[in-house]
Amino acid sequence: MIHPMIALPSQLRDALADGAPLVALESTIISHGMPYPQNVETALSVEATVRAAGAIPATIAVIQGRPTVGLSVDEIEHLGKRGHSVTKVSRRDLPRCLSAGLDGATTVASTMILAARAGVSVFATGGIGGVHRGAETSFDVSADLEELAQTNVAVVCAGAKAILDLPKTLEYLETKGVPVLGYQTDELPGFYSRSTGLPVDCRLDSPQAIADLMRAKWDFDLDGGLLITNPVPQAHAMPAERIDQAIAQALQEMTQQGVGGKQATPFLLARVAELTGGDSLATNIKLVENNARLAAQIAVAFSQGRSYPAP
């Protein structure tokens, strides 16, 4: 059932009623992920990738206080031009954004919430948030992980953002009972690079197998999401040593400048892009498109119903 507060274009409402495959897309990447007009061009390219793979894109944001699933081109352009002046919205920020009539760019956590409220089960993003380095003293853990533990949406990503503490992020997900799946890989992807050497819970080699696992989990009333990790294509991957060096320098500068909270990730991603001469941004765009393609294939398989054996 679609929540009555959700704004949903009639064509998407009809598509959901018909059981058509939809893929949710976040909007933080538009307002906070890259500069204009590259942000808008990327958002529209990702939507086109979803369509080419047989599914319907639904970019998500809050527009003037209204949770909106399925942005128009004009709304995407609006968020892209406003950039960092748009409120970055996670779970805790949604009530204020709704009550004050603000525009809000949704993170992984809030995109999951709005997707679930609209009945969209598959979501493509770049990388999820996770446990930050030094979290044993700062307690800085992304709300994305808690949302994965409780919201029934499958998230396709290239792993957690490489600036994070990846072993601790996997431990947190294990504690919360979130399946971490590797698409055609046994190891957690490194976002910019193809592997971290850390094992995933389960390797699955087809969109249909992933769709079957999703359905089995939710058919058995095991609430919560799934994390589907999809390595960046080899042609666009960066050497792990190079990206690790840039991250280390960016982390040092962030500490020196006293940047923290919700500004930490945008600062680090922007600084890493500068230190790599824009290569990390180019890789980011390619991995998002790659994730959108896989998410569309999973959504198509999921929309066709159960293929795993009946009890």
Foldseek 3Di string as FASTA:
>chain_A
DADPLEAEDPVVLVCVVVLFFEAEEFFCCQQQVDAPPVSLVLVVLLQVLLVVLRGGYWYWWQAQLGTYTRDDSVVSVVSNVCHPVAAADAPVCNVVCNVRRGTYTYALRVSLVNCQNGVHAEYEDAAHFAAAPVCVPVVDGDCNLVSQLAGRHEYEYQYHALRGDRVVRVVSNVVSVAAEEEAVDQARGNRLAGHDPHGGPYYDHALLVVLQVSCVCVVVVNGGYYYYHYGQPPVLHDPPVLLVVQSVVQVVVCVVVVDDDPVNVSSSSVSSCVSVVNSSVVSSSRRSSVRSSSSSRNSNSNSVDHDPDDD
